[in-house]
Amino acid sequence: MNLIGGVLSYPSIKLYEEVAFIAYHFHWTLENILTLDHSERQRWVKEIGKINQKHQT
């Protein structure tokens, strides 16, 4: 796939899910969460998910 000059955007539904997930678990503000770059936000989602899995077993 060749995307010369194209812009790929992150699906807004996914962004809302990530923000809601982090806000719910860490009680961070929307502004604080949105200052995270994409990879850092995804890392927090992954870490929270691992914590949740440990607590379910």
PDB file of N, CA and C in Angstrom:
ATOM      1  N   MET A   1       0.856  -1.178   0.000  1.00  0.00           N
ATOM      2  CA  MET A   1       0.000   0.000   0.000  1.00  0.00           C
ATOM      3  C   MET A   1       0.892   1.227   0.000  1.00  0.00           C
ATOM      4  N   ASN A   2       0.702   2.094  -0.952  1.00  0.00           N
ATOM      5  CA  ASN A   2       1.524   3.283  -1.087  1.00  0.00           C
ATOM      6  C   ASN A   2       0.688   4.517  -0.788  1.00  0.00           C
ATOM      7  N   LEU A   3       1.049   5.240   0.237  1.00  0.00           N
ATOM      8  CA  LEU A   3       0.299   6.423   0.641  1.00  0.00           C
ATOM      9  C   LEU A   3       1.186   7.657   0.545  1.00  0.00           C
ATOM     10  N   ILE A   4       1.360   8.156  -0.625  1.00  0.00           N
ATOM     11  CA  ILE A   4       2.164   9.356  -0.804  1.00  0.00           C
ATOM     12  C   ILE A   4       1.272  10.568  -0.558  1.00  0.00           C
ATOM     13  N   GLY A   5       1.628  11.336   0.451  1.00  0.00           N
ATOM     14  CA  GLY A   5       0.860  12.540   0.769  1.00  0.00           C
ATOM     15  C   GLY A   5      -0.444  12.274   1.482  1.00  0.00           C
ATOM     16  N   GLY A   6      -0.726  11.035   1.779  1.00  0.00           N
ATOM     17  CA  GLY A   6      -1.975  10.698   2.454  1.00  0.00           C
ATOM     18  C   GLY A   6      -1.837  10.809   3.962  1.00  0.00           C
ATOM     19  N   VAL A   7      -2.963  10.964   4.613  1.00  0.00           N
ATOM     20  CA  VAL A   7      -2.969  11.051   6.069  1.00  0.00           C
ATOM     21  C   VAL A   7      -3.863   9.945   6.601  1.00  0.00           C
ATOM     22  N   LEU A   8      -3.302   9.158   7.473  1.00  0.00           N
ATOM     23  CA  LEU A   8      -4.096   8.134   8.137  1.00  0.00           C
ATOM     24  C   LEU A   8      -4.514   8.692   9.485  1.00  0.00           C
ATOM     25  N   SER A   9      -5.766   8.563   9.808  1.00  0.00           N
ATOM     26  CA  SER A   9      -6.227   9.062  11.096  1.00  0.00           C
ATOM     27  C   SER A   9      -6.598   7.897  11.990  1.00  0.00           C
ATOM     28  N   TYR A  10      -6.473   8.110  13.272  1.00  0.00           N
ATOM     29  CA  TYR A  10      -6.832   7.110  14.259  1.00  0.00           C
ATOM     30  C   TYR A  10      -8.339   7.134  14.406  1.00  0.00           C
ATOM     31  N   PRO A  11      -9.003   6.001  14.338  1.00  0.00           N
ATOM     32  CA  PRO A  11     -10.472   5.984  14.436  1.00  0.00           C
ATOM     33  C   PRO A  11     -10.942   6.644  15.741  1.00  0.00           C
ATOM     34  N   SER A  12     -11.865   7.573  15.636  1.00  0.00           N
ATOM     35  CA  SER A  12     -12.309   8.318  16.811  1.00  0.00           C
ATOM     36  C   SER A  12     -12.951   7.414  17.854  1.00  0.00           C
ATOM     37  N   ILE A  13     -13.630   6.346  17.431  1.00  0.00           N
ATOM     38  CA  ILE A  13     -14.248   5.438  18.398  1.00  0.00           C
ATOM     39  C   ILE A  13     -13.173   4.787  19.257  1.00  0.00           C
ATOM     40  N   LYS A  14     -12.047   4.445  18.669  1.00  0.00           N
ATOM     41  CA  LYS A  14     -10.940   3.834  19.406  1.00  0.00           C
ATOM     42  C   LYS A  14     -10.348   4.840  20.401  1.00  0.00           C
ATOM     43  N   LEU A  15     -10.210   6.080  19.979  1.00  0.00           N
ATOM     44  CA  LEU A  15      -9.693   7.121  20.864  1.00  0.00           C
ATOM     45  C   LEU A  15     -10.617   7.300  22.068  1.00  0.00           C
ATOM     46  N   TYR A  16     -11.917   7.359  21.831  1.00  0.00           N
ATOM     47  CA  TYR A  16     -12.881   7.485  22.932  1.00  0.00           C
ATOM     48  C   TYR A  16     -12.777   6.299  23.892  1.00  0.00           C
ATOM     49  N   GLU A  17     -12.629   5.097  23.354  1.00  0.00           N
ATOM     50  CA  GLU A  17     -12.506   3.910  24.198  1.00  0.00           C
ATOM     51  C   GLU A  17     -11.261   3.981  25.077  1.00  0.00           C
ATOM     52  N   GLU A  18     -10.145   4.373  24.489  1.00  0.00           N
ATOM     53  CA  GLU A  18      -8.901   4.472  25.248  1.00  0.00           C
ATOM     54  C   GLU A  18      -9.005   5.537  26.335  1.00  0.00           C
ATOM     55  N   VAL A  19      -9.546   6.694  25.979  1.00  0.00           N
ATOM     56  CA  VAL A  19      -9.683   7.783  26.947  1.00  0.00           C
ATOM     57  C   VAL A  19     -10.601   7.365  28.089  1.00  0.00           C
ATOM     58  N   ALA A  20     -11.721   6.759  27.771  1.00  0.00           N
ATOM     59  CA  ALA A  20     -12.665   6.323  28.799  1.00  0.00           C
ATOM     60  C   ALA A  20     -12.038   5.280  29.715  1.00  0.00           C
ATOM     61  N   PHE A  21     -11.294   4.354  29.145  1.00  0.00           N
ATOM     62  CA  PHE A  21     -10.661   3.286  29.900  1.00  0.00           C
ATOM     63  C   PHE A  21      -9.651   3.848  30.896  1.00  0.00           C
ATOM     64  N   ILE A  22      -8.789   4.746  30.431  1.00  0.00           N
ATOM     65  CA  ILE A  22      -7.777   5.348  31.301  1.00  0.00           C
ATOM     66  C   ILE A  22      -8.433   6.243  32.348  1.00  0.00           C
ATOM     67  N   ALA A  23      -9.389   7.050  31.923  1.00  0.00           N
ATOM     68  CA  ALA A  23     -10.064   7.954  32.863  1.00  0.00           C
ATOM     69  C   ALA A  23     -10.786   7.173  33.952  1.00  0.00           C
ATOM     70  N   TYR A  24     -11.430   6.089  33.583  1.00  0.00           N
ATOM     71  CA  TYR A  24     -12.167   5.272  34.547  1.00  0.00           C
ATOM     72  C   TYR A  24     -11.231   4.683  35.603  1.00  0.00           C
ATOM     73  N   HIS A  25     -10.104   4.171  35.163  1.00  0.00           N
ATOM     74  CA  HIS A  25      -9.209   3.473  36.081  1.00  0.00           C
ATOM     75  C   HIS A  25      -8.261   4.393  36.850  1.00  0.00           C
ATOM     76  N   PHE A  26      -7.817   5.470  36.221  1.00  0.00           N
ATOM     77  CA  PHE A  26      -6.836   6.349  36.871  1.00  0.00           C
ATOM     78  C   PHE A  26      -7.421   7.678  37.309  1.00  0.00           C
ATOM     79  N   HIS A  27      -8.645   7.960  36.891  1.00  0.00           N
ATOM     80  CA  HIS A  27      -9.302   9.224  37.234  1.00  0.00           C
ATOM     81  C   HIS A  27      -8.527  10.446  36.723  1.00  0.00           C
ATOM     82  N   TRP A  28      -7.856  10.265  35.596  1.00  0.00           N
ATOM     83  CA  TRP A  28      -7.152  11.377  34.971  1.00  0.00           C
ATOM     84  C   TRP A  28      -8.156  12.215  34.193  1.00  0.00           C
ATOM     85  N   THR A  29      -7.858  13.473  34.011  1.00  0.00           N
ATOM     86  CA  THR A  29      -8.741  14.349  33.243  1.00  0.00           C
ATOM     87  C   THR A  29      -8.576  14.089  31.749  1.00  0.00           C
ATOM     88  N   LEU A  30      -9.575  14.500  31.011  1.00  0.00           N
ATOM     89  CA  LEU A  30      -9.516  14.387  29.550  1.00  0.00           C
ATOM     90  C   LEU A  30      -8.282  15.101  29.011  1.00  0.00           C
ATOM     91  N   GLU A  31      -8.030  16.286  29.520  1.00  0.00           N
ATOM     92  CA  GLU A  31      -6.889  17.073  29.044  1.00  0.00           C
ATOM     93  C   GLU A  31      -5.574  16.335  29.285  1.00  0.00           C
ATOM     94  N   ASN A  32      -5.436  15.723  30.461  1.00  0.00           N
ATOM     95  CA  ASN A  32      -4.206  14.989  30.755  1.00  0.00           C
ATOM     96  C   ASN A  32      -4.035  13.790  29.836  1.00  0.00           C
ATOM     97  N   ILE A  33      -5.103  13.085  29.589  1.00  0.00           N
ATOM     98  CA  ILE A  33      -5.022  11.891  28.734  1.00  0.00           C
ATOM     99  C   ILE A  33      -4.711  12.281  27.297  1.00  0.00           C
ATOM    100  N   LEU A  34      -5.323  13.352  26.826  1.00  0.00           N
ATOM    101  CA  LEU A  34      -5.102  13.758  25.441  1.00  0.00           C
ATOM    102  C   LEU A  34      -3.721  14.352  25.201  1.00  0.00           C
ATOM    103  N   THR A  35      -2.988  14.690  26.271  1.00  0.00           N
ATOM    104  CA  THR A  35      -1.614  15.165  26.078  1.00  0.00           C
ATOM    105  C   THR A  35      -0.654  14.006  25.826  1.00  0.00           C
ATOM    106  N   LEU A  36      -1.091  12.781  26.128  1.00  0.00           N
ATOM    107  CA  LEU A  36      -0.263  11.609  25.861  1.00  0.00           C
ATOM    108  C   LEU A  36      -0.195  11.376  24.364  1.00  0.00           C
ATOM    109  N   ASP A  37       0.969  10.973  23.868  1.00  0.00           N
ATOM    110  CA  ASP A  37       1.001  10.614  22.457  1.00  0.00           C
ATOM    111  C   ASP A  37       0.371   9.231  22.292  1.00  0.00           C
ATOM    112  N   HIS A  38       0.100   8.893  21.072  1.00  0.00           N
ATOM    113  CA  HIS A  38      -0.644   7.671  20.752  1.00  0.00           C
ATOM    114  C   HIS A  38      -0.022   6.430  21.394  1.00  0.00           C
ATOM    115  N   SER A  39       1.281   6.253  21.218  1.00  0.00           N
ATOM    116  CA  SER A  39       1.919   5.040  21.733  1.00  0.00           C
ATOM    117  C   SER A  39       1.924   5.006  23.255  1.00  0.00           C
ATOM    118  N   GLU A  40       2.078   6.159  23.905  1.00  0.00           N
ATOM    119  CA  GLU A  40       2.056   6.189  25.362  1.00  0.00           C
ATOM    120  C   GLU A  40       0.659   5.876  25.902  1.00  0.00           C
ATOM    121  N   ARG A  41      -0.368   6.406  25.235  1.00  0.00           N
ATOM    122  CA  ARG A  41      -1.748   6.128  25.639  1.00  0.00           C
ATOM    123  C   ARG A  41      -2.057   4.640  25.493  1.00  0.00           C
ATOM    124  N   GLN A  42      -1.615   4.055  24.402  1.00  0.00           N
ATOM    125  CA  GLN A  42      -1.845   2.630  24.202  1.00  0.00           C
ATOM    126  C   GLN A  42      -1.088   1.797  25.232  1.00  0.00           C
ATOM    127  N   ARG A  43       0.077   2.253  25.628  1.00  0.00           N
ATOM    128  CA  ARG A  43       0.848   1.538  26.651  1.00  0.00           C
ATOM    129  C   ARG A  43       0.100   1.534  27.981  1.00  0.00           C
ATOM    130  N   TRP A  44      -0.498   2.685  28.360  1.00  0.00           N
ATOM    131  CA  TRP A  44      -1.269   2.740  29.605  1.00  0.00           C
ATOM    132  C   TRP A  44      -2.477   1.816  29.540  1.00  0.00           C
ATOM    133  N   VAL A  45      -3.146   1.781  28.394  1.00  0.00           N
ATOM    134  CA  VAL A  45      -4.295   0.886  28.223  1.00  0.00           C
ATOM    135  C   VAL A  45      -3.851  -0.566  28.412  1.00  0.00           C
ATOM    136  N   LYS A  46      -2.727  -0.920  27.831  1.00  0.00           N
ATOM    137  CA  LYS A  46      -2.205  -2.285  27.956  1.00  0.00           C
ATOM    138  C   LYS A  46      -1.871  -2.614  29.408  1.00  0.00           C
ATOM    139  N   GLU A  47      -1.225  -1.694  30.096  1.00  0.00           N
ATOM    140  CA  GLU A  47      -0.846  -1.935  31.492  1.00  0.00           C
ATOM    141  C   GLU A  47      -2.070  -2.059  32.398  1.00  0.00           C
ATOM    142  N   ILE A  48      -3.059  -1.212  32.194  1.00  0.00           N
ATOM    143  CA  ILE A  48      -4.291  -1.302  32.981  1.00  0.00           C
ATOM    144  C   ILE A  48      -4.967  -2.643  32.712  1.00  0.00           C
ATOM    145  N   GLY A  49      -4.980  -3.063  31.453  1.00  0.00           N
ATOM    146  CA  GLY A  49      -5.572  -4.347  31.092  1.00  0.00           C
ATOM    147  C   GLY A  49      -4.884  -5.501  31.806  1.00  0.00           C
ATOM    148  N   LYS A  50      -3.551  -5.449  31.906  1.00  0.00           N
ATOM    149  CA  LYS A  50      -2.821  -6.503  32.606  1.00  0.00           C
ATOM    150  C   LYS A  50      -3.168  -6.516  34.092  1.00  0.00           C
ATOM    151  N   ILE A  51      -3.302  -5.339  34.698  1.00  0.00           N
ATOM    152  CA  ILE A  51      -3.693  -5.259  36.100  1.00  0.00           C
ATOM    153  C   ILE A  51      -5.084  -5.873  36.295  1.00  0.00           C
ATOM    154  N   ASN A  52      -6.007  -5.523  35.416  1.00  0.00           N
ATOM    155  CA  ASN A  52      -7.369  -6.059  35.508  1.00  0.00           C
ATOM    156  C   ASN A  52      -7.388  -7.568  35.394  1.00  0.00           C
ATOM    157  N   GLN A  53      -6.576  -8.115  34.492  1.00  0.00           N
ATOM    158  CA  GLN A  53      -6.537  -9.565  34.324  1.00  0.00           C
ATOM    159  C   GLN A  53      -6.006 -10.253  35.578  1.00  0.00           C
ATOM    160  N   LYS A  54      -5.015  -9.676  36.214  1.00  0.00           N
ATOM    161  CA  LYS A  54      -4.447 -10.254  37.437  1.00  0.00           C
ATOM    162  C   LYS A  54      -5.492 -10.289  38.550  1.00  0.00           C
ATOM    163  N   HIS A  55      -6.335  -9.282  38.610  1.00  0.00           N
ATOM    164  CA  HIS A  55      -7.328  -9.192  39.668  1.00  0.00           C
ATOM    165  C   HIS A  55      -8.545 -10.090  39.413  1.00  0.00           C
ATOM    166  N   GLN A  56      -8.730 -10.547  38.187  1.00  0.00           N
ATOM    167  CA  GLN A  56      -9.851 -11.418  37.863  1.00  0.00           C
ATOM    168  C   GLN A  56      -9.553 -12.877  38.166  1.00  0.00           C
ATOM    169  N   THR A  57      -8.294 -13.229  38.319  1.00  0.00           N
ATOM    170  CA  THR A  57      -7.949 -14.635  38.563  1.00  0.00           C
ATOM    171  C   THR A  57      -7.849 -14.925  40.040  1.00  0.00           C
TER     172      THR A  57
END
